[in-house]
Amino acid sequence: MKTDIQRGLVLRNEKCHEHYTTEFLYNLYSSEGKGIFDCRINVLGHLQQGGAPTPFDRNYGTKLGVKAVLWMSEKLQEVYRKGRVFANSGDSACVIGLRKKVVAFSPVTELKKVTDFEHRLPQEQWWLNLRLMLKMLANYQISLTEYISGQMEHVTRRTLSIEKGF
């Protein structure tokens, strides 16, 4: 921590040790780093949604984690000049994920343009055009003349009914 770059990243699992909690590590680094560095806590657990992860989820998460750390290392080497880090380009803050079957890094500035923040969804969803076919395969009683494909429908309890085909 006493080198030219005064940045660090501590990753921990919530079950790594009963005494080495996030708060403990934060207090430890804050206390020892006075004058050299400061600390912040960022717990990503609230971003995760869903049930128990499958072995595929765990494996895929590990692969994405490795790619993300390698990307961060490469990015830091690219922007390090004369003892300082210049992370002021649009691709200095990215999100890793699948884009057309390929793992890709998407700059946050680009994602902001195509995201529906109110509903936490992309503005355009490729699978919406498949809904008619899915309803037909599930034997829903629907009228093909009334169905408009590709429009977003936000489902609430009041709009659910068997007559409308959900």
N, C-alpha and C. Protein backbone atom coordinates (compact mmCIF):
# COMPACT_ATOMS: atom_id res chain seq x y z
N MET A 1 0.81 -1.20 0.00
CA MET A 1 0.00 0.00 0.00
C MET A 1 0.85 1.26 0.00
N LYS A 2 2.15 1.11 0.22
CA LYS A 2 3.00 2.30 0.24
C LYS A 2 3.66 2.55 -1.10
N THR A 3 3.14 1.96 -2.17
CA THR A 3 3.67 2.22 -3.51
C THR A 3 2.98 3.45 -4.09
N ASP A 4 3.25 3.72 -5.36
CA ASP A 4 2.67 4.90 -6.01
C ASP A 4 1.16 4.80 -6.12
N ILE A 5 0.65 3.60 -6.42
CA ILE A 5 -0.81 3.42 -6.54
C ILE A 5 -1.34 3.07 -5.16
N GLN A 6 -2.23 3.88 -4.66
CA GLN A 6 -2.77 3.64 -3.33
C GLN A 6 -4.20 3.12 -3.43
N ARG A 7 -4.35 2.04 -4.14
CA ARG A 7 -5.66 1.42 -4.29
C ARG A 7 -5.54 -0.07 -3.99
N GLY A 8 -6.57 -0.62 -3.44
CA GLY A 8 -6.59 -2.04 -3.15
C GLY A 8 -8.01 -2.55 -3.18
N LEU A 9 -8.14 -3.83 -3.28
CA LEU A 9 -9.45 -4.46 -3.33
C LEU A 9 -9.41 -5.70 -2.45
N VAL A 10 -10.34 -5.80 -1.53
CA VAL A 10 -10.45 -6.97 -0.66
C VAL A 10 -11.76 -7.64 -1.00
N LEU A 11 -11.67 -8.89 -1.43
CA LEU A 11 -12.86 -9.69 -1.72
C LEU A 11 -12.97 -10.75 -0.64
N ARG A 12 -14.18 -10.94 -0.12
CA ARG A 12 -14.35 -11.96 0.91
C ARG A 12 -15.71 -12.63 0.74
N ASN A 13 -15.76 -13.86 1.17
CA ASN A 13 -17.00 -14.62 1.20
C ASN A 13 -17.62 -14.43 2.57
N GLU A 14 -18.95 -14.34 2.62
CA GLU A 14 -19.60 -14.11 3.92
C GLU A 14 -19.43 -15.27 4.87
N LYS A 15 -18.98 -16.43 4.38
CA LYS A 15 -18.80 -17.59 5.25
C LYS A 15 -17.33 -17.95 5.43
N CYS A 16 -16.43 -17.03 5.11
CA CYS A 16 -15.00 -17.36 5.20
C CYS A 16 -14.55 -17.56 6.64
N HIS A 17 -15.05 -16.75 7.56
CA HIS A 17 -14.66 -16.88 8.96
C HIS A 17 -15.69 -16.14 9.80
N GLU A 18 -16.03 -16.70 10.93
CA GLU A 18 -17.07 -16.08 11.75
C GLU A 18 -16.63 -14.77 12.38
N HIS A 19 -15.32 -14.57 12.60
CA HIS A 19 -14.84 -13.35 13.24
C HIS A 19 -14.36 -12.30 12.25
N TYR A 20 -13.89 -12.73 11.06
CA TYR A 20 -13.38 -11.79 10.06
C TYR A 20 -14.53 -11.32 9.17
N THR A 21 -15.40 -10.54 9.73
CA THR A 21 -16.55 -10.02 9.00
C THR A 21 -16.13 -8.82 8.16
N THR A 22 -17.04 -8.37 7.31
CA THR A 22 -16.78 -7.19 6.50
C THR A 22 -16.51 -5.98 7.38
N GLU A 23 -17.29 -5.83 8.42
CA GLU A 23 -17.12 -4.70 9.33
C GLU A 23 -15.77 -4.76 10.05
N PHE A 24 -15.35 -5.98 10.45
CA PHE A 24 -14.06 -6.12 11.12
C PHE A 24 -12.93 -5.72 10.19
N LEU A 25 -12.96 -6.22 8.94
CA LEU A 25 -11.91 -5.88 7.99
C LEU A 25 -11.90 -4.39 7.68
N TYR A 26 -13.08 -3.80 7.56
CA TYR A 26 -13.16 -2.35 7.33
C TYR A 26 -12.53 -1.59 8.49
N ASN A 27 -12.88 -1.95 9.72
CA ASN A 27 -12.31 -1.28 10.90
C ASN A 27 -10.80 -1.48 10.99
N LEU A 28 -10.33 -2.68 10.65
CA LEU A 28 -8.91 -2.97 10.70
C LEU A 28 -8.15 -2.09 9.70
N TYR A 29 -8.59 -2.11 8.44
CA TYR A 29 -7.91 -1.31 7.41
C TYR A 29 -8.04 0.18 7.68
N SER A 30 -9.18 0.62 8.16
CA SER A 30 -9.36 2.04 8.47
C SER A 30 -8.41 2.49 9.56
N SER A 31 -8.27 1.66 10.57
CA SER A 31 -7.40 2.00 11.69
C SER A 31 -5.93 2.01 11.28
N GLU A 32 -5.52 1.00 10.54
CA GLU A 32 -4.11 0.88 10.16
C GLU A 32 -3.73 1.80 9.00
N GLY A 33 -4.70 2.26 8.22
CA GLY A 33 -4.39 3.02 7.02
C GLY A 33 -4.44 4.52 7.17
N LYS A 34 -4.57 5.02 8.36
CA LYS A 34 -4.67 6.47 8.55
C LYS A 34 -3.46 7.17 7.95
N GLY A 35 -3.71 8.11 7.06
CA GLY A 35 -2.63 8.85 6.43
C GLY A 35 -2.07 8.19 5.19
N ILE A 36 -2.33 6.92 5.00
CA ILE A 36 -1.81 6.22 3.82
C ILE A 36 -2.95 5.95 2.83
N PHE A 37 -4.07 5.48 3.33
CA PHE A 37 -5.22 5.18 2.48
C PHE A 37 -6.50 5.23 3.30
N ASP A 38 -7.63 5.31 2.59
CA ASP A 38 -8.92 5.24 3.26
C ASP A 38 -9.65 4.00 2.77
N CYS A 39 -10.75 3.68 3.43
CA CYS A 39 -11.49 2.45 3.12
C CYS A 39 -12.95 2.76 2.87
N ARG A 40 -13.56 1.89 2.08
CA ARG A 40 -15.00 1.93 1.86
C ARG A 40 -15.51 0.50 1.81
N ILE A 41 -16.77 0.33 2.18
CA ILE A 41 -17.42 -0.99 2.12
C ILE A 41 -18.40 -0.98 0.96
N ASN A 42 -18.38 -2.04 0.18
CA ASN A 42 -19.36 -2.21 -0.87
C ASN A 42 -19.77 -3.68 -0.88
N VAL A 43 -20.93 -3.99 -0.36
CA VAL A 43 -21.44 -5.35 -0.31
C VAL A 43 -22.35 -5.55 -1.50
N LEU A 44 -21.99 -6.47 -2.37
CA LEU A 44 -22.73 -6.68 -3.61
C LEU A 44 -23.90 -7.64 -3.47
N GLY A 45 -24.12 -8.20 -2.31
CA GLY A 45 -25.16 -9.19 -2.13
C GLY A 45 -26.56 -8.70 -2.46
N HIS A 46 -26.84 -7.41 -2.24
CA HIS A 46 -28.19 -6.92 -2.51
C HIS A 46 -28.48 -6.87 -4.01
N LEU A 47 -27.44 -6.96 -4.84
CA LEU A 47 -27.67 -6.97 -6.28
C LEU A 47 -28.07 -8.35 -6.77
N GLN A 48 -27.75 -9.37 -5.99
CA GLN A 48 -28.05 -10.72 -6.42
C GLN A 48 -29.52 -11.03 -6.15
N GLN A 49 -30.14 -11.68 -7.11
CA GLN A 49 -31.53 -12.06 -6.95
C GLN A 49 -31.68 -13.52 -7.35
N GLY A 50 -32.65 -14.17 -6.80
CA GLY A 50 -32.88 -15.56 -7.17
C GLY A 50 -32.71 -16.48 -5.98
N GLY A 51 -32.82 -17.75 -6.26
CA GLY A 51 -32.76 -18.76 -5.22
C GLY A 51 -31.36 -19.30 -5.04
N ALA A 52 -31.28 -20.57 -4.70
CA ALA A 52 -29.99 -21.22 -4.47
C ALA A 52 -29.26 -21.39 -5.80
N PRO A 53 -27.97 -21.02 -5.86
CA PRO A 53 -27.25 -21.15 -7.12
C PRO A 53 -26.96 -22.60 -7.46
N THR A 54 -27.01 -22.90 -8.74
CA THR A 54 -26.70 -24.25 -9.23
C THR A 54 -25.19 -24.36 -9.42
N PRO A 55 -24.67 -25.58 -9.62
CA PRO A 55 -23.24 -25.71 -9.94
C PRO A 55 -22.85 -24.91 -11.18
N PHE A 56 -23.75 -24.83 -12.18
CA PHE A 56 -23.47 -24.01 -13.36
C PHE A 56 -23.32 -22.55 -12.96
N ASP A 57 -24.21 -22.06 -12.10
CA ASP A 57 -24.13 -20.66 -11.66
C ASP A 57 -22.81 -20.39 -10.95
N ARG A 58 -22.41 -21.30 -10.09
CA ARG A 58 -21.16 -21.11 -9.35
C ARG A 58 -19.96 -21.13 -10.30
N ASN A 59 -19.95 -22.07 -11.23
CA ASN A 59 -18.86 -22.17 -12.19
C ASN A 59 -18.81 -20.91 -13.08
N TYR A 60 -19.96 -20.51 -13.56
CA TYR A 60 -20.04 -19.33 -14.43
C TYR A 60 -19.64 -18.07 -13.66
N GLY A 61 -20.07 -17.96 -12.42
CA GLY A 61 -19.69 -16.82 -11.60
C GLY A 61 -18.19 -16.75 -11.37
N THR A 62 -17.57 -17.91 -11.18
CA THR A 62 -16.12 -17.95 -11.01
C THR A 62 -15.42 -17.49 -12.27
N LYS A 63 -15.89 -17.97 -13.43
CA LYS A 63 -15.28 -17.56 -14.70
C LYS A 63 -15.43 -16.07 -14.94
N LEU A 64 -16.62 -15.53 -14.65
CA LEU A 64 -16.82 -14.09 -14.83
C LEU A 64 -15.95 -13.30 -13.86
N GLY A 65 -15.80 -13.80 -12.64
CA GLY A 65 -14.95 -13.13 -11.67
C GLY A 65 -13.50 -13.07 -12.12
N VAL A 66 -12.99 -14.17 -12.66
CA VAL A 66 -11.62 -14.20 -13.16
C VAL A 66 -11.45 -13.22 -14.31
N LYS A 67 -12.40 -13.25 -15.26
CA LYS A 67 -12.33 -12.32 -16.39
C LYS A 67 -12.38 -10.87 -15.92
N ALA A 68 -13.20 -10.59 -14.92
CA ALA A 68 -13.32 -9.22 -14.42
C ALA A 68 -12.02 -8.75 -13.77
N VAL A 69 -11.38 -9.62 -12.97
CA VAL A 69 -10.13 -9.24 -12.32
C VAL A 69 -9.02 -9.06 -13.36
N LEU A 70 -8.95 -9.93 -14.36
CA LEU A 70 -7.96 -9.76 -15.43
C LEU A 70 -8.19 -8.47 -16.20
N TRP A 71 -9.46 -8.16 -16.47
CA TRP A 71 -9.79 -6.91 -17.18
C TRP A 71 -9.37 -5.70 -16.36
N MET A 72 -9.65 -5.74 -15.04
CA MET A 72 -9.26 -4.61 -14.18
C MET A 72 -7.74 -4.45 -14.16
N SER A 73 -6.99 -5.55 -14.10
CA SER A 73 -5.53 -5.48 -14.09
C SER A 73 -5.02 -4.86 -15.38
N GLU A 74 -5.55 -5.32 -16.52
CA GLU A 74 -5.14 -4.76 -17.81
C GLU A 74 -5.50 -3.29 -17.91
N LYS A 75 -6.69 -2.94 -17.46
CA LYS A 75 -7.14 -1.54 -17.54
C LYS A 75 -6.26 -0.64 -16.68
N LEU A 76 -5.90 -1.11 -15.48
CA LEU A 76 -5.02 -0.32 -14.61
C LEU A 76 -3.65 -0.11 -15.25
N GLN A 77 -3.12 -1.14 -15.91
CA GLN A 77 -1.84 -1.00 -16.59
C GLN A 77 -1.93 -0.01 -17.75
N GLU A 78 -3.06 0.00 -18.45
CA GLU A 78 -3.24 0.92 -19.58
C GLU A 78 -3.28 2.38 -19.14
N VAL A 79 -3.93 2.65 -18.02
CA VAL A 79 -4.18 4.04 -17.62
C VAL A 79 -3.19 4.55 -16.58
N TYR A 80 -2.20 3.76 -16.21
CA TYR A 80 -1.21 4.18 -15.24
C TYR A 80 -0.09 4.94 -15.96
N ARG A 81 0.08 6.22 -15.59
CA ARG A 81 1.11 7.05 -16.19
C ARG A 81 1.72 7.95 -15.13
N LYS A 82 3.04 7.92 -15.05
CA LYS A 82 3.79 8.81 -14.16
C LYS A 82 3.29 8.76 -12.72
N GLY A 83 3.04 7.57 -12.24
CA GLY A 83 2.64 7.42 -10.85
C GLY A 83 1.18 7.71 -10.56
N ARG A 84 0.37 7.93 -11.61
CA ARG A 84 -1.05 8.23 -11.39
C ARG A 84 -1.90 7.36 -12.29
N VAL A 85 -3.14 7.15 -11.86
CA VAL A 85 -4.11 6.38 -12.64
C VAL A 85 -5.12 7.34 -13.22
N PHE A 86 -5.27 7.32 -14.55
CA PHE A 86 -6.22 8.19 -15.24
C PHE A 86 -7.37 7.32 -15.77
N ALA A 87 -8.40 7.17 -14.98
CA ALA A 87 -9.56 6.35 -15.36
C ALA A 87 -10.72 7.27 -15.70
N ASN A 88 -10.55 8.09 -16.73
CA ASN A 88 -11.57 9.06 -17.09
C ASN A 88 -12.19 8.79 -18.46
N SER A 89 -11.93 7.64 -19.04
CA SER A 89 -12.56 7.31 -20.32
C SER A 89 -13.89 6.61 -20.07
N GLY A 90 -14.69 6.51 -21.11
CA GLY A 90 -16.02 5.91 -20.98
C GLY A 90 -15.98 4.44 -20.62
N ASP A 91 -14.91 3.74 -20.99
CA ASP A 91 -14.85 2.30 -20.71
C ASP A 91 -14.10 1.98 -19.42
N SER A 92 -13.91 2.97 -18.55
CA SER A 92 -13.25 2.70 -17.28
C SER A 92 -14.21 2.11 -16.24
N ALA A 93 -15.51 2.22 -16.48
CA ALA A 93 -16.52 1.60 -15.61
C ALA A 93 -17.40 0.73 -16.49
N CYS A 94 -17.28 -0.59 -16.33
CA CYS A 94 -18.00 -1.53 -17.20
C CYS A 94 -18.74 -2.58 -16.38
N VAL A 95 -19.69 -3.23 -17.05
CA VAL A 95 -20.41 -4.36 -16.49
C VAL A 95 -20.10 -5.57 -17.35
N ILE A 96 -19.78 -6.68 -16.72
CA ILE A 96 -19.49 -7.90 -17.47
C ILE A 96 -20.76 -8.72 -17.59
N GLY A 97 -20.97 -9.33 -18.76
CA GLY A 97 -22.13 -10.18 -18.96
C GLY A 97 -22.16 -10.76 -20.36
N LEU A 98 -23.20 -11.50 -20.65
CA LEU A 98 -23.34 -12.11 -21.97
C LEU A 98 -24.00 -11.13 -22.93
N ARG A 99 -23.44 -11.04 -24.13
CA ARG A 99 -24.05 -10.27 -25.20
C ARG A 99 -23.95 -11.12 -26.46
N LYS A 100 -25.09 -11.65 -26.89
CA LYS A 100 -25.14 -12.52 -28.07
C LYS A 100 -24.17 -13.70 -27.93
N LYS A 101 -24.29 -14.43 -26.86
CA LYS A 101 -23.53 -15.65 -26.56
C LYS A 101 -22.04 -15.42 -26.32
N VAL A 102 -21.62 -14.19 -26.16
CA VAL A 102 -20.21 -13.88 -25.92
C VAL A 102 -20.10 -13.07 -24.62
N VAL A 103 -19.14 -13.44 -23.78
CA VAL A 103 -18.89 -12.66 -22.57
C VAL A 103 -18.25 -11.35 -22.99
N ALA A 104 -18.88 -10.24 -22.59
CA ALA A 104 -18.40 -8.93 -23.03
C ALA A 104 -18.49 -7.93 -21.88
N PHE A 105 -17.67 -6.90 -21.98
CA PHE A 105 -17.70 -5.79 -21.03
C PHE A 105 -18.45 -4.65 -21.69
N SER A 106 -19.51 -4.18 -21.04
CA SER A 106 -20.32 -3.08 -21.56
C SER A 106 -20.09 -1.84 -20.70
N PRO A 107 -19.65 -0.74 -21.31
CA PRO A 107 -19.47 0.49 -20.53
C PRO A 107 -20.80 0.95 -19.92
N VAL A 108 -20.74 1.42 -18.69
CA VAL A 108 -21.94 1.86 -17.97
C VAL A 108 -22.61 3.01 -18.71
N THR A 109 -21.83 3.86 -19.36
CA THR A 109 -22.41 4.99 -20.09
C THR A 109 -23.30 4.51 -21.23
N GLU A 110 -22.93 3.39 -21.88
CA GLU A 110 -23.77 2.83 -22.95
C GLU A 110 -25.01 2.15 -22.37
N LEU A 111 -24.85 1.44 -21.26
CA LEU A 111 -25.98 0.73 -20.65
C LEU A 111 -27.05 1.71 -20.15
N LYS A 112 -26.62 2.88 -19.72
CA LYS A 112 -27.56 3.88 -19.22
C LYS A 112 -28.56 4.28 -20.29
N LYS A 113 -28.11 4.30 -21.54
CA LYS A 113 -28.97 4.72 -22.66
C LYS A 113 -30.05 3.69 -22.98
N VAL A 114 -29.82 2.42 -22.68
CA VAL A 114 -30.74 1.35 -23.09
C VAL A 114 -31.43 0.66 -21.92
N THR A 115 -31.42 1.29 -20.74
CA THR A 115 -31.99 0.66 -19.55
C THR A 115 -33.24 1.38 -19.07
N ASP A 116 -34.25 0.59 -18.71
CA ASP A 116 -35.47 1.09 -18.07
C ASP A 116 -35.24 0.98 -16.57
N PHE A 117 -34.79 2.08 -15.94
CA PHE A 117 -34.40 2.03 -14.53
C PHE A 117 -35.59 1.81 -13.61
N GLU A 118 -36.76 2.27 -13.99
CA GLU A 118 -37.94 2.10 -13.14
C GLU A 118 -38.27 0.63 -12.94
N HIS A 119 -38.18 -0.16 -14.02
CA HIS A 119 -38.54 -1.57 -13.94
C HIS A 119 -37.32 -2.49 -13.90
N ARG A 120 -36.11 -1.90 -13.92
CA ARG A 120 -34.87 -2.65 -13.85
C ARG A 120 -34.76 -3.68 -14.97
N LEU A 121 -35.07 -3.24 -16.19
CA LEU A 121 -35.04 -4.09 -17.37
C LEU A 121 -34.42 -3.34 -18.54
N PRO A 122 -33.95 -4.07 -19.55
CA PRO A 122 -33.54 -3.40 -20.78
C PRO A 122 -34.76 -2.78 -21.46
N GLN A 123 -34.57 -1.67 -22.17
CA GLN A 123 -35.70 -1.04 -22.86
C GLN A 123 -36.20 -1.91 -24.00
N GLU A 124 -35.30 -2.55 -24.71
CA GLU A 124 -35.69 -3.47 -25.79
C GLU A 124 -35.27 -4.87 -25.39
N GLN A 125 -36.24 -5.80 -25.46
CA GLN A 125 -35.98 -7.17 -25.06
C GLN A 125 -36.25 -8.09 -26.24
N TRP A 126 -35.23 -8.82 -26.64
CA TRP A 126 -35.30 -9.65 -27.84
C TRP A 126 -36.35 -10.75 -27.73
N TRP A 127 -36.62 -11.21 -26.53
CA TRP A 127 -37.51 -12.35 -26.35
C TRP A 127 -38.98 -11.99 -26.40
N LEU A 128 -39.34 -10.70 -26.41
CA LEU A 128 -40.75 -10.32 -26.42
C LEU A 128 -41.49 -10.83 -27.67
N ASN A 129 -40.79 -10.92 -28.78
CA ASN A 129 -41.43 -11.42 -29.99
C ASN A 129 -41.73 -12.92 -29.92
N LEU A 130 -41.17 -13.61 -28.96
CA LEU A 130 -41.42 -15.05 -28.80
C LEU A 130 -42.63 -15.35 -27.91
N ARG A 131 -43.20 -14.32 -27.29
CA ARG A 131 -44.29 -14.55 -26.33
C ARG A 131 -45.52 -15.18 -26.97
N LEU A 132 -45.86 -14.77 -28.18
CA LEU A 132 -47.01 -15.35 -28.87
C LEU A 132 -46.80 -16.85 -29.06
N MET A 133 -45.63 -17.23 -29.53
CA MET A 133 -45.34 -18.65 -29.74
C MET A 133 -45.39 -19.41 -28.42
N LEU A 134 -44.85 -18.82 -27.36
CA LEU A 134 -44.87 -19.49 -26.05
C LEU A 134 -46.30 -19.68 -25.54
N LYS A 135 -47.15 -18.67 -25.74
CA LYS A 135 -48.54 -18.82 -25.32
C LYS A 135 -49.26 -19.88 -26.16
N MET A 136 -48.93 -19.93 -27.45
CA MET A 136 -49.55 -20.96 -28.30
C MET A 136 -49.10 -22.35 -27.86
N LEU A 137 -47.82 -22.52 -27.54
CA LEU A 137 -47.32 -23.82 -27.10
C LEU A 137 -47.90 -24.23 -25.75
N ALA A 138 -48.28 -23.25 -24.92
CA ALA A 138 -48.86 -23.54 -23.61
C ALA A 138 -50.38 -23.69 -23.69
N ASN A 139 -50.94 -23.70 -24.90
CA ASN A 139 -52.38 -23.87 -25.13
C ASN A 139 -53.23 -22.76 -24.52
N TYR A 140 -52.75 -21.54 -24.53
CA TYR A 140 -53.58 -20.41 -24.10
C TYR A 140 -54.61 -20.12 -25.19
N GLN A 141 -55.80 -19.69 -24.77
CA GLN A 141 -56.83 -19.29 -25.71
C GLN A 141 -56.62 -17.81 -26.03
N ILE A 142 -55.91 -17.54 -27.14
CA ILE A 142 -55.61 -16.15 -27.50
C ILE A 142 -56.07 -15.88 -28.91
N SER A 143 -56.34 -14.63 -29.17
CA SER A 143 -56.72 -14.21 -30.51
C SER A 143 -55.49 -13.64 -31.20
N LEU A 144 -55.16 -14.19 -32.35
CA LEU A 144 -53.98 -13.71 -33.07
C LEU A 144 -54.17 -12.30 -33.61
N THR A 145 -55.42 -11.89 -33.85
CA THR A 145 -55.66 -10.55 -34.38
C THR A 145 -55.50 -9.47 -33.31
N GLU A 146 -55.74 -9.82 -32.05
CA GLU A 146 -55.64 -8.84 -30.98
C GLU A 146 -54.24 -8.78 -30.38
N TYR A 147 -53.42 -9.77 -30.63
CA TYR A 147 -52.11 -9.82 -30.01
C TYR A 147 -51.14 -8.90 -30.74
N ILE A 148 -50.47 -8.05 -29.99
CA ILE A 148 -49.46 -7.15 -30.55
C ILE A 148 -48.13 -7.61 -29.99
N SER A 149 -47.28 -8.16 -30.83
CA SER A 149 -46.01 -8.69 -30.34
C SER A 149 -45.02 -7.56 -30.12
N GLY A 150 -44.10 -7.80 -29.20
CA GLY A 150 -43.02 -6.86 -28.98
C GLY A 150 -43.32 -5.71 -28.05
N GLN A 151 -44.52 -5.61 -27.50
CA GLN A 151 -44.80 -4.54 -26.56
C GLN A 151 -44.60 -5.04 -25.14
N MET A 152 -44.08 -4.17 -24.31
CA MET A 152 -43.81 -4.53 -22.92
C MET A 152 -45.10 -4.51 -22.12
N GLU A 153 -45.34 -5.58 -21.39
CA GLU A 153 -46.50 -5.65 -20.51
C GLU A 153 -46.00 -5.84 -19.10
N HIS A 154 -46.26 -4.90 -18.22
CA HIS A 154 -45.89 -5.05 -16.83
C HIS A 154 -47.07 -5.67 -16.10
N VAL A 155 -46.86 -6.86 -15.57
CA VAL A 155 -47.93 -7.65 -14.98
C VAL A 155 -48.11 -7.25 -13.51
N THR A 156 -49.35 -7.00 -13.15
CA THR A 156 -49.70 -6.77 -11.75
C THR A 156 -50.83 -7.73 -11.40
N ARG A 157 -51.15 -7.84 -10.13
CA ARG A 157 -52.24 -8.74 -9.72
C ARG A 157 -53.56 -8.35 -10.38
N ARG A 158 -53.78 -7.05 -10.55
CA ARG A 158 -55.04 -6.60 -11.12
C ARG A 158 -55.18 -6.97 -12.60
N THR A 159 -54.06 -7.15 -13.31
CA THR A 159 -54.15 -7.45 -14.73
C THR A 159 -54.14 -8.96 -15.03
N LEU A 160 -53.92 -9.79 -14.01
CA LEU A 160 -53.89 -11.22 -14.25
C LEU A 160 -55.31 -11.77 -14.35
N SER A 161 -55.58 -12.50 -15.40
CA SER A 161 -56.86 -13.20 -15.51
C SER A 161 -56.70 -14.32 -16.52
N ILE A 162 -57.43 -15.40 -16.30
CA ILE A 162 -57.35 -16.54 -17.21
C ILE A 162 -58.00 -16.17 -18.55
N GLU A 163 -59.03 -15.32 -18.53
CA GLU A 163 -59.70 -14.94 -19.78
C GLU A 163 -58.76 -14.20 -20.72
N LYS A 164 -57.88 -13.40 -20.17
CA LYS A 164 -56.95 -12.64 -21.01
C LYS A 164 -55.71 -13.46 -21.38
N GLY A 165 -55.62 -14.67 -20.88
CA GLY A 165 -54.42 -15.48 -21.15
C GLY A 165 -53.23 -14.99 -20.37
N PHE A 166 -53.49 -14.48 -19.18
CA PHE A 166 -52.50 -13.89 -18.30
C PHE A 166 -51.94 -12.70 -19.01
